[in-house]
Protein backbone atom coordinates (compact mmCIF):
# COMPACT_ATOMS: atom_id res chain seq x y z
CA MET A 1 -18.23 37.55 66.51
CA ASP A 2 -20.71 40.31 65.28
CA LEU A 3 -19.03 41.62 62.12
CA GLY A 4 -21.35 44.71 61.93
CA ILE A 5 -22.99 43.61 58.64
CA ALA A 6 -26.51 43.58 59.68
CA GLY A 7 -28.48 46.57 57.90
CA ARG A 8 -26.15 46.64 54.94
CA THR A 9 -27.55 46.33 51.38
CA ALA A 10 -25.11 44.36 49.09
CA LEU A 11 -25.22 43.66 45.44
CA VAL A 12 -23.36 40.36 44.77
CA THR A 13 -22.52 39.77 40.99
CA GLY A 14 -21.75 36.32 39.72
CA GLY A 15 -24.07 35.12 42.31
CA ASP A 16 -25.72 32.02 40.68
CA SER A 17 -22.94 29.66 41.98
CA GLY A 18 -19.36 29.28 43.62
CA ILE A 19 -17.85 32.20 45.50
CA GLY A 20 -20.78 34.58 44.50
CA TRP A 21 -23.58 32.42 45.89
CA SER A 22 -21.45 31.55 48.95
CA THR A 23 -20.89 35.25 49.61
CA ALA A 24 -24.68 35.91 49.45
CA ALA A 25 -25.39 33.30 51.90
CA GLU A 26 -22.74 34.52 54.29
CA LEU A 27 -23.99 38.04 54.10
CA LEU A 28 -27.46 37.10 54.69
CA ARG A 29 -26.48 34.98 57.75
CA GLU A 30 -24.84 38.24 59.02
CA GLY A 31 -28.04 40.37 58.56
CA ALA A 32 -27.49 42.03 55.26
CA THR A 33 -29.95 42.59 52.52
CA VAL A 34 -28.78 41.09 49.27
CA VAL A 35 -29.24 41.84 45.73
CA LEU A 36 -28.12 38.69 43.60
CA SER A 37 -27.21 38.97 40.13
CA ASP A 38 -25.98 36.74 37.31
CA ARG A 39 -26.48 36.54 33.48
CA ASP A 40 -28.81 33.51 33.14
CA PRO A 41 -32.37 34.23 34.67
CA GLU A 42 -33.25 30.48 35.16
CA LYS A 43 -29.96 29.55 37.00
CA LEU A 44 -30.16 32.95 39.13
CA ASP A 45 -33.71 32.04 40.24
CA GLU A 46 -32.70 28.62 40.96
CA ALA A 47 -29.56 29.74 43.06
CA ALA A 48 -31.88 32.33 44.78
CA SER A 49 -34.37 29.70 45.77
CA LYS A 50 -31.77 27.71 47.70
CA LEU A 51 -30.58 30.75 49.88
CA ASP A 52 -31.97 30.76 53.43
CA ALA A 53 -33.20 34.36 53.28
CA PRO A 54 -35.72 36.30 55.52
CA ALA A 55 -38.79 37.82 53.84
CA GLY A 56 -37.67 40.86 52.03
CA ARG A 57 -33.99 40.58 52.36
CA LEU A 58 -33.12 38.71 48.99
CA HIS A 59 -33.80 40.14 45.66
CA ALA A 60 -32.47 38.65 42.40
CA PHE A 61 -32.10 40.38 38.83
CA ALA A 62 -30.33 38.98 35.84
CA ALA A 63 -28.05 41.18 34.04
CA ASP A 64 -25.41 40.93 31.21
CA LEU A 65 -22.52 42.87 32.50
CA THR A 66 -21.04 43.48 29.04
CA ASP A 67 -24.03 45.71 28.50
CA PRO A 68 -24.25 49.06 30.04
CA GLU A 69 -28.02 49.41 29.55
CA ALA A 70 -28.39 46.14 31.33
CA ILE A 71 -26.33 47.38 34.28
CA ALA A 72 -28.47 50.55 34.32
CA GLU A 73 -31.52 48.48 34.40
CA LEU A 74 -29.86 46.45 37.18
CA HIS A 75 -29.18 49.63 39.21
CA ARG A 76 -32.88 50.78 38.74
CA SER A 77 -34.33 47.44 39.83
CA ALA A 78 -32.06 47.24 42.95
CA ALA A 79 -32.87 50.72 43.96
CA ALA A 80 -36.63 50.19 43.62
CA SER A 81 -36.51 46.73 45.50
CA ALA A 82 -33.99 47.09 48.13
CA GLY A 83 -32.96 50.82 48.36
CA PRO A 84 -29.44 52.18 47.75
CA ILE A 85 -26.48 49.72 47.69
CA ASP A 86 -23.72 50.34 50.35
CA THR A 87 -21.77 47.17 49.53
CA LEU A 88 -20.66 45.77 46.30
CA VAL A 89 -19.07 42.34 45.86
CA HIS A 90 -17.95 41.78 42.30
CA CYS A 91 -17.57 38.06 41.65
CA ALA A 92 -18.69 37.66 38.12
CA GLY A 93 -16.01 36.36 35.60
CA ILE A 94 -14.85 33.85 33.23
CA THR A 95 -11.69 31.88 32.50
CA GLY A 96 -11.84 33.33 29.07
CA ALA A 97 -9.53 32.54 26.13
CA GLN A 98 -6.88 29.94 26.82
CA GLY A 99 -3.79 28.87 24.93
CA LYS A 100 -0.27 29.95 24.41
CA PHE A 101 0.35 33.80 23.62
CA HIS A 102 0.66 33.05 19.83
CA GLU A 103 -2.59 30.98 19.67
CA ILE A 104 -4.83 33.74 20.93
CA GLY A 105 -6.10 36.46 18.77
CA ASP A 106 -7.75 39.88 19.33
CA ASP A 107 -11.20 38.37 19.83
CA GLY A 108 -10.08 36.08 22.61
CA TRP A 109 -8.22 38.92 24.44
CA ILE A 110 -11.16 41.34 24.04
CA SER A 111 -13.87 39.07 25.06
CA THR A 112 -11.92 38.07 28.30
CA LEU A 113 -11.00 41.70 29.10
CA ASP A 114 -14.63 42.69 28.43
CA ILE A 115 -16.03 40.51 31.22
CA ASP A 116 -13.01 40.10 33.64
CA LEU A 117 -11.89 43.75 33.73
CA LEU A 118 -14.44 46.18 32.04
CA ALA A 119 -17.44 44.53 33.81
CA PRO A 120 -16.26 45.52 37.24
CA VAL A 121 -15.53 48.97 35.90
CA ARG A 122 -18.96 49.28 34.54
CA VAL A 123 -20.69 48.07 37.69
CA ALA A 124 -18.68 50.09 40.10
CA ARG A 125 -19.23 53.30 37.97
CA ALA A 126 -22.99 52.51 37.80
CA PHE A 127 -23.21 52.25 41.74
CA LEU A 128 -20.44 54.73 42.75
CA ASP A 129 -22.74 57.56 43.70
CA GLU A 130 -24.78 55.60 46.34
CA LEU A 131 -21.64 53.72 47.47
CA ARG A 132 -19.86 57.02 48.20
CA ALA A 133 -22.96 58.83 49.68
CA SER A 134 -23.24 55.95 52.31
CA GLY A 135 -20.46 57.12 54.20
CA ARG A 136 -19.53 53.50 55.00
CA GLY A 137 -19.42 52.01 51.43
CA ARG A 138 -17.44 48.74 50.69
CA ILE A 139 -16.29 47.40 47.44
CA VAL A 140 -14.70 44.04 47.14
CA PHE A 141 -13.37 42.78 43.84
CA ILE A 142 -12.59 39.12 43.24
CA ALA A 143 -9.14 38.99 41.49
CA SER A 144 -6.85 35.93 41.45
CA GLU A 145 -3.57 34.35 42.10
CA ASP A 146 -3.07 34.77 38.48
CA ALA A 147 -2.81 38.52 38.88
CA VAL A 148 0.54 38.26 40.49
CA GLN A 149 1.66 34.71 39.32
CA PRO A 150 0.59 34.52 35.64
CA TYR A 151 0.40 31.29 33.90
CA ASP A 152 1.44 31.25 30.29
CA ASP A 153 -1.78 29.45 28.95
CA GLU A 154 -4.24 31.90 30.17
CA LEU A 155 -2.58 35.24 29.82
CA PRO A 156 -5.81 37.28 29.01
CA TYR A 157 -7.42 36.20 32.38
CA CYS A 158 -4.03 36.96 34.15
CA ALA A 159 -3.84 40.55 32.67
CA ALA A 160 -7.36 41.10 33.46
CA LYS A 161 -6.95 40.19 37.01
CA ALA A 162 -3.90 42.41 37.31
CA GLY A 163 -6.01 45.18 36.10
CA VAL A 164 -8.58 44.62 38.77
CA LEU A 165 -5.79 44.84 41.44
CA ALA A 166 -4.78 48.16 39.94
CA LEU A 167 -8.48 49.34 39.67
CA ALA A 168 -9.01 48.50 43.27
CA LYS A 169 -5.99 50.34 44.45
CA GLY A 170 -6.75 53.39 42.51
CA LEU A 171 -10.38 53.48 43.67
CA SER A 172 -9.23 53.09 47.21
CA ARG A 173 -7.12 56.23 46.95
CA SER A 174 -9.73 58.28 45.28
CA TYR A 175 -12.61 57.57 47.95
CA ALA A 176 -11.21 56.34 51.36
CA ARG A 177 -11.74 59.66 52.99
CA GLU A 178 -15.42 59.51 52.08
CA GLY A 179 -15.69 56.18 53.98
CA LEU A 180 -15.73 53.92 50.83
CA LEU A 181 -13.13 51.18 51.29
CA VAL A 182 -12.05 49.13 48.41
CA ASN A 183 -10.22 45.80 48.46
CA THR A 184 -9.69 42.66 46.42
CA VAL A 185 -9.70 39.08 47.33
CA SER A 186 -7.43 36.62 45.32
CA PRO A 187 -8.60 33.13 45.36
CA ALA A 188 -6.73 30.10 43.97
CA PHE A 189 -8.21 26.89 42.64
CA ILE A 190 -11.49 27.15 44.34
CA ARG A 191 -14.19 24.40 43.95
CA THR A 192 -16.54 26.22 41.55
CA PRO A 193 -18.19 25.34 38.21
CA MET A 194 -15.31 27.07 36.52
CA THR A 195 -12.66 24.87 37.95
CA ASP A 196 -14.99 21.76 37.55
CA ALA A 197 -15.08 22.52 34.05
CA MET A 198 -11.15 23.02 33.77
CA MET A 199 -10.73 19.69 35.55
CA ASP A 200 -13.25 17.96 33.22
CA ARG A 201 -11.33 19.11 30.05
CA ARG A 202 -8.12 17.98 31.87
CA ALA A 203 -9.56 14.53 32.80
CA GLU A 204 -10.82 14.07 29.13
CA GLN A 205 -7.24 15.04 27.90
CA LEU A 206 -5.68 12.68 30.24
CA GLY A 207 -8.42 9.91 30.10
CA SER A 208 -8.73 10.04 33.82
CA THR A 209 -11.44 10.82 36.59
CA ARG A 210 -11.85 14.54 37.60
CA GLU A 211 -10.33 13.47 40.84
CA GLU A 212 -7.22 12.15 39.38
CA ALA A 213 -7.11 15.25 37.10
CA ILE A 214 -7.05 17.48 40.23
CA ARG A 215 -4.44 15.56 41.87
CA SER A 216 -2.12 15.76 38.70
CA PHE A 217 -3.03 19.44 38.45
CA LEU A 218 -1.89 20.19 41.88
CA ASP A 219 1.27 18.25 41.44
CA GLU A 220 2.11 19.58 37.86
CA GLU A 221 0.59 23.06 37.64
CA ARG A 222 0.26 24.34 41.14
CA PRO A 223 3.19 22.99 43.14
CA PHE A 224 3.18 25.65 45.84
CA LEU A 225 -0.27 25.20 46.68
CA GLU A 226 0.82 23.66 49.99
CA LEU A 227 -2.54 22.45 51.22
CA LYS A 228 -2.99 20.10 48.23
CA ARG A 229 -6.58 20.55 47.77
CA ARG A 230 -9.07 22.90 46.16
CA GLY A 231 -10.31 25.50 48.29
CA THR A 232 -14.01 25.92 48.98
CA PRO A 233 -16.32 28.86 48.09
CA GLU A 234 -17.10 29.21 51.83
CA GLU A 235 -13.49 29.75 52.73
CA VAL A 236 -13.35 32.68 50.32
CA ALA A 237 -16.74 34.07 51.33
CA ALA A 238 -15.50 34.38 54.96
CA VAL A 239 -12.81 36.74 53.91
CA ILE A 240 -15.12 38.85 51.81
CA ALA A 241 -17.64 39.12 54.42
CA PHE A 242 -14.72 40.42 56.88
CA LEU A 243 -13.91 42.99 54.19
CA CYS A 244 -17.45 44.02 53.98
CA SER A 245 -17.82 44.48 57.68
CA ASP A 246 -17.21 47.10 60.31
CA ARG A 247 -14.48 44.93 61.49
CA ALA A 248 -12.35 45.84 58.54
CA SER A 249 -12.79 49.59 58.99
CA PHE A 250 -9.08 50.24 58.74
CA VAL A 251 -8.59 47.97 55.52
CA THR A 252 -8.41 49.53 52.19
CA GLY A 253 -6.47 49.21 49.09
CA SER A 254 -5.47 45.65 50.19
CA ASN A 255 -5.20 42.34 48.34
CA TYR A 256 -6.19 39.30 50.37
CA ARG A 257 -4.98 35.92 49.02
CA VAL A 258 -7.17 33.00 49.72
CA ASP A 259 -4.90 30.53 47.83
CA GLY A 260 -3.73 27.65 50.17
CA GLY A 261 -0.03 28.99 49.61
CA SER A 262 -0.24 28.89 45.75
CA VAL A 263 1.51 32.26 45.22
CA ALA A 264 5.04 31.38 45.74
CA THR A 265 6.40 34.82 46.47
CA LEU A 266 5.86 37.56 49.07
């Protein structure tokens, strides 16, 4: 199926691994030009080197998305190398402060919200003019199952991702008639470095292997994840690519769950 992505120019944040990297790979396969960004220059360059990109269709720029000036520099670099961005896929994020509510102070909340909620606000604001001007712009924010099914040991992350859903819905109403479509994708328990780290911590606490920690986590913490496995970044990237495409021309303000059934309600 031709998704109608060829010729697009996409910025993918959080692109050095996981969902971001797989999304960049999928968009490149579909004919887009990709600007890849993440915080660590060395990891970003290594990730970019592993992508199968035709000459001139992949550009990589490191940026700290908590720093407005760094985002402005990312904007300048992207424009100079790739031209105007008409597609934004914001994957950058962290697990953030964890623990019960009474165990997390202001610093934990602020640092988590700064990256998981304010960073997508900053990036969308920086690139909004060209996304609007394209007449066929796309924004896809990565949210989470946690946005609608919060867990009591990671409430800052849950609150941030709920905010991302509200942000996307609001933007979709503001700019749809200009051709800018805004949606979210909400994964659950995907095989990424972030969940690897979570499972390694769990394995250490339990005195088990990572695979044993994954099985016990599914049984005890994610009982409604009916497929009983971690999803793959490629499975999420496929949905993101659809939302970036001409095939999704009547989709805006929507949240697509890629969660193996993990969210227990409608």
